Amino acid sequence: GYYALLAAAIVAFTYQRARLPILLAGAALATATLFAASSLSKAALIGTAVMAGVAAIRKPVLLAVTAILLLVGMSMRDPSELIDRVTFRMQDLGSQEDDTLEGRGYSRIEMHPQYLALGAGEVGHDRHGDFGGELHSSWATVLFSYGVAGTAILLVFFWQALRFLRPLDWLFPLPVFWYGVTHQGLRFRLFWVFIGLLCVVTYHARVMAARRARISRARPAAVRG
C-alpha cells in the first residue's frame, strides 16, 4: 500500500514537469490505486484518494483519464470481491485497536518522558515494559528514539529540502507524511527518492525562474545601450 501511495505521489507531482503522456500517467495512477485497494491499508487508501483530489485540482483531465483506465482495469475481472473487502475495511475505520494512538504505541512516549531530550535508541524495545514491539509510527519513533534534539535535526533537513515548494505543491507530500503518523515509512527507499525529486525539481524551477528574471531585466538595458 505504501509503495502505491509513493508511486502515485511521484507521478502526480512530476506529470507536468516531466511532460509524461497523459495515458501513461493515468495508467500509473490507476495501477497505484488498484494496488492500494488490494493492500487494504486504510492509510494508503485515504492517501491515494487525497492524491487523486490533488491531481483533480492541478489537472482535471488527468483525473478523468485515471478514472476511465481504473474502470477498464477493474472490468477485466469481477471487481465485486475487491469492492466488498475495501468497503468492509473502511467501515470499521477508527474502531479497531490499531486505529488508536495507544494501539500504535504512542503511550510509550507518555510512559517514559525521560527519553524526550536525547532519545532512547531504536533497539531493545522490550526494556520499556509495554507492548514490546517498535512504535508503529515514523514520527513517534523519531521523537522517542532520538529525542527532541534528533527530531529538530530531521525537521531542519526536511525544511531545507522542501523550502522551495510552492503552497499548492505541499499537497503532494502531505498524504505521505500523514501515512507516517500510523506506519513506519522513513525506512523505505522510495520515500527518499520522492523527497529527492521534490527537492531537485523545485530547486531547478526556482533557478530557472531567477535566470529568466535576470534575462528579462537585461533586455531593456541592452536596448537602451
Protein backbone atom coordinates (compact mmCIF):
# COMPACT_ATOMS: atom_id res chain seq x y z
CA GLY A 1 0.00 0.00 0.00
CA TYR A 2 2.77 2.47 0.88
CA TYR A 3 4.62 1.83 -2.36
CA ALA A 4 1.37 2.52 -4.24
CA LEU A 5 0.91 5.81 -2.38
CA LEU A 6 4.50 6.87 -3.06
CA ALA A 7 4.23 5.91 -6.73
CA ALA A 8 1.01 7.91 -7.07
CA ALA A 9 2.66 10.91 -5.38
CA ILE A 10 5.69 10.76 -7.69
CA VAL A 11 3.59 10.50 -10.84
CA ALA A 12 1.15 13.22 -9.77
CA PHE A 13 3.98 15.60 -8.88
CA THR A 14 6.19 15.02 -11.93
CA TYR A 15 3.43 14.55 -14.54
CA GLN A 16 3.53 18.06 -16.00
CA ARG A 17 7.16 18.79 -15.20
CA ALA A 18 8.43 15.61 -16.90
CA ARG A 19 5.87 16.00 -19.71
CA LEU A 20 4.61 12.45 -19.29
CA PRO A 21 1.99 11.31 -21.81
CA ILE A 22 -1.38 11.62 -20.14
CA LEU A 23 -2.26 7.97 -20.87
CA LEU A 24 0.97 6.80 -19.23
CA ALA A 25 0.42 8.99 -16.17
CA GLY A 26 -3.24 7.93 -15.95
CA ALA A 27 -2.30 4.24 -16.23
CA ALA A 28 0.30 4.64 -13.48
CA LEU A 29 -2.17 6.36 -11.14
CA ALA A 30 -4.88 3.79 -11.88
CA THR A 31 -2.45 0.94 -11.18
CA ALA A 32 -1.32 2.58 -7.93
CA THR A 33 -4.96 2.96 -6.87
CA LEU A 34 -5.65 -0.73 -7.53
CA PHE A 35 -2.55 -1.75 -5.58
CA ALA A 36 -3.55 0.48 -2.66
CA ALA A 37 -7.04 -1.03 -2.67
CA SER A 38 -5.64 -4.57 -2.85
CA SER A 39 -3.39 -3.92 0.14
CA LEU A 40 -6.44 -2.96 2.26
CA SER A 41 -4.27 -0.39 4.02
CA LYS A 42 -6.56 2.34 5.31
CA ALA A 43 -3.81 4.95 5.36
CA ALA A 44 -2.73 4.08 1.80
CA LEU A 45 -6.34 4.12 0.55
CA ILE A 46 -7.06 7.52 2.09
CA GLY A 47 -3.72 8.91 0.96
CA THR A 48 -4.22 7.75 -2.61
CA ALA A 49 -7.72 9.25 -2.63
CA VAL A 50 -6.29 12.57 -1.45
CA MET A 51 -3.63 12.34 -4.17
CA ALA A 52 -6.41 11.87 -6.74
CA GLY A 53 -8.07 15.00 -5.40
CA VAL A 54 -4.78 16.89 -5.74
CA ALA A 55 -4.49 15.67 -9.33
CA ALA A 56 -8.00 16.95 -9.97
CA ILE A 57 -7.02 20.40 -8.71
CA ARG A 58 -3.87 20.51 -10.82
CA LYS A 59 -5.14 18.73 -13.93
CA PRO A 60 -8.81 17.62 -14.08
CA VAL A 61 -8.19 15.81 -17.37
CA LEU A 62 -5.63 13.55 -15.68
CA LEU A 63 -8.19 12.54 -13.05
CA ALA A 64 -10.73 11.74 -15.76
CA VAL A 65 -8.23 9.59 -17.68
CA THR A 66 -7.22 7.83 -14.46
CA ALA A 67 -10.86 7.08 -13.58
CA ILE A 68 -11.58 5.68 -17.06
CA LEU A 69 -8.48 3.46 -17.03
CA LEU A 70 -9.32 2.34 -13.49
CA LEU A 71 -12.79 1.27 -14.60
CA VAL A 72 -11.32 -0.52 -17.61
CA GLY A 73 -8.83 -2.34 -15.42
CA MET A 74 -11.47 -3.38 -12.91
CA SER A 75 -13.76 -4.61 -15.69
CA MET A 76 -11.17 -7.20 -16.76
CA ARG A 77 -12.19 -9.32 -13.78
CA ASP A 78 -15.06 -9.37 -11.33
CA PRO A 79 -14.39 -6.40 -9.03
CA SER A 80 -17.13 -7.23 -6.54
CA GLU A 81 -14.83 -9.13 -4.16
CA LEU A 82 -12.29 -6.30 -4.03
CA ILE A 83 -15.03 -3.69 -3.58
CA ASP A 84 -16.59 -5.72 -0.75
CA ARG A 85 -13.24 -6.12 1.01
CA VAL A 86 -12.40 -2.43 0.72
CA THR A 87 -15.88 -1.43 1.90
CA PHE A 88 -15.67 -3.78 4.89
CA ARG A 89 -12.20 -2.49 5.73
CA MET A 90 -13.25 1.15 5.65
CA GLN A 91 -16.48 0.61 7.59
CA ASP A 92 -14.61 -0.05 10.85
CA LEU A 93 -12.30 2.94 10.40
CA GLY A 94 -11.40 4.22 13.86
CA SER A 95 -12.98 1.29 15.72
CA GLN A 96 -10.11 -1.20 15.69
CA GLU A 97 -7.38 -1.19 18.31
CA ASP A 98 -4.64 -0.39 15.81
CA ASP A 99 -6.57 2.71 14.72
CA THR A 100 -5.84 4.38 18.05
CA LEU A 101 -2.68 6.20 19.13
CA GLU A 102 -2.31 3.77 22.02
CA GLY A 103 -2.55 0.83 19.63
CA ARG A 104 0.23 2.38 17.57
CA GLY A 105 2.46 2.67 20.63
CA TYR A 106 2.26 6.39 21.34
CA SER A 107 1.66 5.60 25.02
CA ARG A 108 5.34 4.68 25.29
CA ILE A 109 6.25 8.35 24.93
CA GLU A 110 3.95 9.27 27.81
CA MET A 111 5.20 6.40 29.98
CA HIS A 112 8.90 7.25 29.51
CA PRO A 113 9.22 11.04 29.27
CA GLN A 114 12.85 10.86 30.44
CA TYR A 115 13.85 9.94 26.89
CA LEU A 116 12.32 13.00 25.25
CA ALA A 117 15.50 15.08 25.43
CA LEU A 118 18.05 12.81 23.73
CA GLY A 119 16.06 9.67 22.89
CA ALA A 120 16.10 6.02 23.89
CA GLY A 121 17.56 4.50 20.74
CA GLU A 122 15.87 2.01 18.43
CA VAL A 123 16.93 -1.36 19.89
CA GLY A 124 15.81 -3.41 22.89
CA HIS A 125 12.15 -2.45 22.75
CA ASP A 126 11.30 -4.98 25.49
CA ARG A 127 13.23 -2.92 28.06
CA HIS A 128 10.42 -0.37 28.12
CA GLY A 129 8.00 -2.83 29.73
CA ASP A 130 4.99 -2.12 27.48
CA PHE A 131 3.84 -3.98 24.37
CA GLY A 132 7.46 -4.83 23.49
CA GLY A 133 7.48 -4.02 19.78
CA GLU A 134 8.55 -0.98 17.84
CA LEU A 135 6.37 2.09 17.58
CA HIS A 136 4.08 1.92 14.55
CA SER A 137 4.77 5.50 13.55
CA SER A 138 7.64 7.17 11.75
CA TRP A 139 7.36 10.43 13.65
CA ALA A 140 6.74 8.92 17.09
CA THR A 141 9.74 6.64 16.55
CA VAL A 142 11.98 9.58 15.69
CA LEU A 143 10.79 11.53 18.75
CA PHE A 144 11.13 8.63 21.19
CA SER A 145 14.33 7.13 19.75
CA TYR A 146 16.24 10.35 19.05
CA GLY A 147 14.53 12.86 21.30
CA VAL A 148 13.70 16.47 20.69
CA ALA A 149 17.26 17.08 19.50
CA GLY A 150 17.14 14.42 16.81
CA THR A 151 13.63 15.40 15.77
CA ALA A 152 14.72 19.01 15.38
CA ILE A 153 17.62 17.96 13.14
CA LEU A 154 15.28 15.90 10.95
CA LEU A 155 12.79 18.77 10.69
CA VAL A 156 15.57 21.16 9.68
CA PHE A 157 16.62 18.69 6.98
CA PHE A 158 13.08 18.47 5.61
CA TRP A 159 12.74 22.25 5.69
CA GLN A 160 15.98 22.71 3.77
CA ALA A 161 14.95 20.05 1.24
CA LEU A 162 11.39 21.27 0.72
CA ARG A 163 11.51 25.00 1.42
CA PHE A 164 11.18 25.90 -2.26
CA LEU A 165 7.86 24.07 -2.65
CA ARG A 166 5.02 26.30 -3.76
CA PRO A 167 2.00 26.32 -1.41
CA LEU A 168 -0.07 24.05 -3.68
CA ASP A 169 2.84 21.64 -4.10
CA TRP A 170 2.71 20.84 -0.37
CA LEU A 171 -0.44 18.83 -1.13
CA PHE A 172 1.77 16.13 -2.68
CA PRO A 173 3.97 15.19 0.31
CA LEU A 174 1.30 15.74 2.98
CA PRO A 175 -0.51 12.39 2.42
CA VAL A 176 2.85 10.64 2.53
CA PHE A 177 3.80 12.39 5.77
CA TRP A 178 0.36 11.63 7.21
CA TYR A 179 0.92 7.93 6.45
CA GLY A 180 3.90 8.09 8.80
CA VAL A 181 1.65 9.05 11.72
CA THR A 182 0.41 5.45 11.96
CA HIS A 183 3.05 3.50 10.00
CA GLN A 184 6.79 3.17 9.59
CA GLY A 185 7.60 4.99 6.37
CA LEU A 186 11.06 6.52 6.70
CA ARG A 187 12.88 3.25 6.12
CA PHE A 188 11.62 2.79 2.56
CA ARG A 189 13.97 3.89 -0.23
CA LEU A 190 11.15 5.11 -2.43
CA PHE A 191 10.24 7.66 0.25
CA TRP A 192 13.68 9.25 -0.01
CA VAL A 193 13.52 9.08 -3.80
CA PHE A 194 10.29 11.09 -3.56
CA ILE A 195 11.87 13.64 -1.19
CA GLY A 196 14.84 13.92 -3.55
CA LEU A 197 12.56 14.55 -6.52
CA LEU A 198 10.66 17.24 -4.63
CA CYS A 199 13.93 18.93 -3.69
CA VAL A 200 15.62 18.78 -7.10
CA VAL A 201 12.58 19.68 -9.19
CA THR A 202 11.53 22.65 -7.07
CA TYR A 203 15.09 23.95 -6.75
CA HIS A 204 15.59 23.68 -10.52
CA ALA A 205 12.32 25.52 -11.12
CA ARG A 206 13.45 28.30 -8.78
CA VAL A 207 16.85 28.59 -10.50
CA MET A 208 15.23 28.74 -13.95
CA ALA A 209 12.75 31.39 -12.78
CA ALA A 210 15.62 33.51 -11.41
CA ARG A 211 17.52 33.11 -14.69
CA ARG A 212 14.51 34.20 -16.73
CA ALA A 213 14.07 37.19 -14.45
CA ARG A 214 17.70 38.24 -14.97
CA ILE A 215 17.34 37.89 -18.74
CA SER A 216 14.15 39.96 -18.79
CA ARG A 217 15.86 42.71 -16.76
CA ALA A 218 18.91 42.65 -19.03
CA ARG A 219 16.96 43.08 -22.29
CA PRO A 220 15.73 46.66 -21.65
CA ALA A 221 19.25 47.66 -20.68
CA ALA A 222 20.61 46.17 -23.91
CA VAL A 223 18.00 48.03 -25.96
CA ARG A 224 18.85 51.32 -24.30
CA GLY A 225 22.53 50.71 -24.87
